[in-house]
């Protein structure tokens, strides 16, 4: 089982085998999550991508005019919520 030693500054080196398993590289952030009495190390999850809800929306349009109309509607709805 891979292990590491905590330095006097509280730092650890994540073994290569674990970095590969997590898919992390230098500069990536990780987070420690406590679940069910265990502490889990995982890649940090960034804020949710605001465009995820629109994935696949392009399939609903058959012309560029329809896309532009949809964008205008979205902008108008956003303007209404800001007021």
Protein backbone atom coordinates (compact mmCIF):
# COMPACT_ATOMS: atom_id res chain seq x y z
CA UNK A 1 0.00 0.00 0.00
CA UNK A 2 1.54 3.36 -1.01
CA UNK A 3 2.33 5.70 1.86
CA UNK A 4 3.95 9.06 2.50
CA UNK A 5 5.44 11.01 5.40
CA UNK A 6 4.10 14.37 6.55
CA UNK A 7 6.78 17.08 6.60
CA UNK A 8 7.18 19.62 9.39
CA UNK A 9 5.14 22.02 7.23
CA UNK A 10 2.28 19.51 6.93
CA UNK A 11 3.15 18.64 3.33
CA UNK A 12 3.06 15.20 1.75
CA UNK A 13 4.28 13.76 -1.51
CA UNK A 14 1.54 11.83 -3.28
CA UNK A 15 3.09 8.64 -4.64
CA UNK A 16 3.25 8.36 -8.44
CA UNK A 17 0.94 5.35 -8.47
CA UNK A 18 -1.76 7.37 -6.67
CA UNK A 19 -1.25 10.49 -8.85
CA UNK A 20 -1.73 8.34 -11.95
CA UNK A 21 -4.82 6.69 -10.45
CA UNK A 22 -6.32 10.12 -9.66
CA UNK A 23 -5.24 11.59 -12.98
CA UNK A 24 -3.56 14.58 -11.31
CA UNK A 25 -0.43 16.38 -12.39
CA UNK A 26 1.76 19.17 -10.96
CA UNK A 27 -0.31 22.30 -10.36
CA UNK A 28 -3.63 20.44 -10.04
CA UNK A 29 -5.64 20.96 -6.88
CA UNK A 30 -6.92 18.12 -4.73
CA UNK A 31 -9.46 18.09 -1.94
CA UNK A 32 -9.86 16.05 1.19
CA UNK A 33 -13.41 14.86 1.78
CA UNK A 34 -14.63 13.19 4.95
CA UNK A 35 -17.25 10.53 4.22
CA UNK A 36 -18.45 7.86 6.58
CA UNK A 37 -15.52 8.25 8.96
CA UNK A 38 -12.94 8.05 6.17
CA UNK A 39 -10.91 10.82 4.59
CA UNK A 40 -10.81 10.68 0.79
CA UNK A 41 -8.30 12.41 -1.46
CA UNK A 42 -9.71 13.35 -4.86
CA UNK A 43 -9.11 15.88 -7.64
CA UNK A 44 -10.68 19.20 -6.67
CA UNK A 45 -13.97 19.85 -8.35
CA UNK A 46 -14.23 23.33 -9.80
CA UNK A 47 -17.38 25.35 -10.01
CA UNK A 48 -20.07 23.87 -12.21
CA UNK A 49 -19.77 24.85 -15.84
CA UNK A 50 -22.73 27.18 -16.53
CA UNK A 51 -22.98 25.88 -20.10
CA UNK A 52 -23.53 22.22 -19.18
CA UNK A 53 -27.30 22.71 -19.27
CA UNK A 54 -27.04 23.71 -22.95
CA UNK A 55 -25.14 20.62 -24.11
CA UNK A 56 -26.99 19.20 -27.07
CA UNK A 57 -29.20 22.27 -27.52
CA UNK A 58 -27.77 22.89 -30.98
CA UNK A 59 -29.61 19.83 -32.23
CA UNK A 60 -32.95 21.56 -31.65
CA UNK A 61 -32.23 24.19 -34.31
CA UNK A 62 -32.23 23.83 -38.03
CA UNK A 63 -31.17 27.37 -39.00
CA UNK A 64 -28.85 30.05 -37.73
CA UNK A 65 -31.85 32.39 -37.39
CA UNK A 66 -33.41 29.97 -34.90
CA UNK A 67 -30.19 29.92 -32.86
CA UNK A 68 -30.01 33.72 -32.86
CA UNK A 69 -33.63 33.98 -31.75
CA UNK A 70 -32.95 31.54 -28.91
CA UNK A 71 -29.92 33.58 -27.78
CA UNK A 72 -32.01 36.79 -27.85
CA UNK A 73 -34.64 35.08 -25.70
CA UNK A 74 -32.00 33.91 -23.22
CA UNK A 75 -30.54 37.42 -22.97
CA UNK A 76 -33.98 38.95 -22.47
CA UNK A 77 -34.78 36.45 -19.70
CA UNK A 78 -31.44 37.22 -18.02
CA UNK A 79 -32.14 40.95 -18.19
CA UNK A 80 -35.54 40.41 -16.55
CA UNK A 81 -34.01 38.48 -13.63
CA UNK A 82 -31.41 41.21 -13.03
CA UNK A 83 -34.08 43.90 -12.56
